Amino acid sequence: MGRSKYDEEAAAVARAVSVGEDEAGADYEEPKVRRAIVHTRQDVVIVVSYLSSLNKQVRIVKWLIILVVLMLIVIASKMRPQ
């Protein structure tokens, strides 16, 4: 299965960042690396929390749409001349 356009774009960004770091010759100090790891973990937790919240909201909207469609079907069937 092929990669999507979004996967390709993300891979291009990752390559660009990697090349930029290699060209800069970045040498990171141990305390800064540990702090960055902690901050990254916190960011990941926040992103997962946001995605979970959005997923719940989408699920609720989906059920509301289903309910509205069912109500419209019932209304349409009662308005139909017999």
Protein backbone atom coordinates (compact mmCIF):
# COMPACT_ATOMS: atom_id res chain seq x y z
CA MET A 1 0.00 0.00 0.00
CA GLY A 2 1.42 3.40 -0.96
CA ARG A 3 2.11 6.27 1.33
CA SER A 4 -0.32 9.15 1.41
CA LYS A 5 0.46 12.72 0.47
CA TYR A 6 0.53 13.63 4.16
CA ASP A 7 3.01 10.85 4.97
CA GLU A 8 5.28 12.07 2.19
CA GLU A 9 5.10 15.66 3.44
CA ALA A 10 5.86 14.57 7.01
CA ALA A 11 8.82 12.50 5.81
CA ALA A 12 10.15 15.49 3.84
CA VAL A 13 9.93 17.71 6.92
CA ALA A 14 11.68 15.07 9.04
CA ARG A 15 14.48 14.80 6.47
CA ALA A 16 14.86 18.59 6.32
CA VAL A 17 15.13 18.83 10.10
CA SER A 18 17.64 15.99 10.21
CA VAL A 19 19.79 17.58 7.50
CA GLY A 20 19.62 20.94 9.27
CA GLU A 21 20.80 19.41 12.53
CA ASP A 22 23.62 17.56 10.78
CA GLU A 23 24.80 20.73 9.03
CA ALA A 24 24.69 22.72 12.27
CA GLY A 25 26.85 20.11 14.00
CA ALA A 26 24.64 20.22 17.05
CA ASP A 27 26.21 18.82 20.20
CA TYR A 28 23.69 18.58 23.00
CA GLU A 29 24.51 18.63 26.68
CA GLU A 30 23.10 15.84 28.84
CA PRO A 31 20.91 18.02 31.14
CA LYS A 32 19.38 19.78 28.15
CA VAL A 33 18.65 16.45 26.50
CA ARG A 34 16.92 15.12 29.62
CA ARG A 35 14.86 18.30 29.96
CA ALA A 36 13.91 18.12 26.29
CA ILE A 37 12.80 14.50 26.72
CA VAL A 38 10.58 15.45 29.66
CA HIS A 39 9.05 18.34 27.71
CA THR A 40 8.50 16.11 24.69
CA ARG A 41 6.70 13.54 26.84
CA GLN A 42 4.50 16.29 28.28
CA ASP A 43 3.71 17.54 24.78
CA VAL A 44 2.80 14.05 23.63
CA VAL A 45 0.44 13.64 26.58
CA ILE A 46 -1.24 16.94 25.73
CA VAL A 47 -1.61 16.00 22.06
CA VAL A 48 -3.08 12.60 22.94
CA SER A 49 -5.46 14.28 25.36
CA TYR A 50 -6.61 16.73 22.68
CA LEU A 51 -7.07 13.93 20.16
CA SER A 52 -9.06 11.89 22.66
CA SER A 53 -11.31 14.86 23.38
CA LEU A 54 -11.81 15.52 19.67
CA ASN A 55 -12.61 11.86 19.11
CA LYS A 56 -15.33 12.01 21.77
CA GLN A 57 -16.77 15.16 20.22
CA VAL A 58 -16.82 13.60 16.75
CA ARG A 59 -18.54 10.51 18.14
CA ILE A 60 -21.25 12.69 19.73
CA VAL A 61 -21.73 14.67 16.51
CA LYS A 62 -22.01 11.42 14.56
CA TRP A 63 -24.83 10.16 16.80
CA LEU A 64 -26.60 13.52 16.66
CA ILE A 65 -26.47 13.44 12.86
CA ILE A 66 -27.85 9.89 12.84
CA LEU A 67 -30.66 10.98 15.17
CA VAL A 68 -31.53 13.99 12.99
CA VAL A 69 -31.55 11.85 9.84
CA LEU A 70 -33.84 9.31 11.49
CA MET A 71 -36.17 12.09 12.62
CA LEU A 72 -36.24 13.51 9.09
CA ILE A 73 -37.06 10.08 7.68
CA VAL A 74 -39.95 9.71 10.11
CA ILE A 75 -41.24 13.21 9.32
CA ALA A 76 -40.93 12.62 5.57
CA SER A 77 -42.77 9.32 5.80
CA LYS A 78 -45.67 10.95 7.68
CA MET A 79 -45.92 13.82 5.19
CA ARG A 80 -46.10 11.48 2.19
CA PRO A 81 -49.60 11.34 0.71
CA GLN A 82 -51.22 7.97 1.02
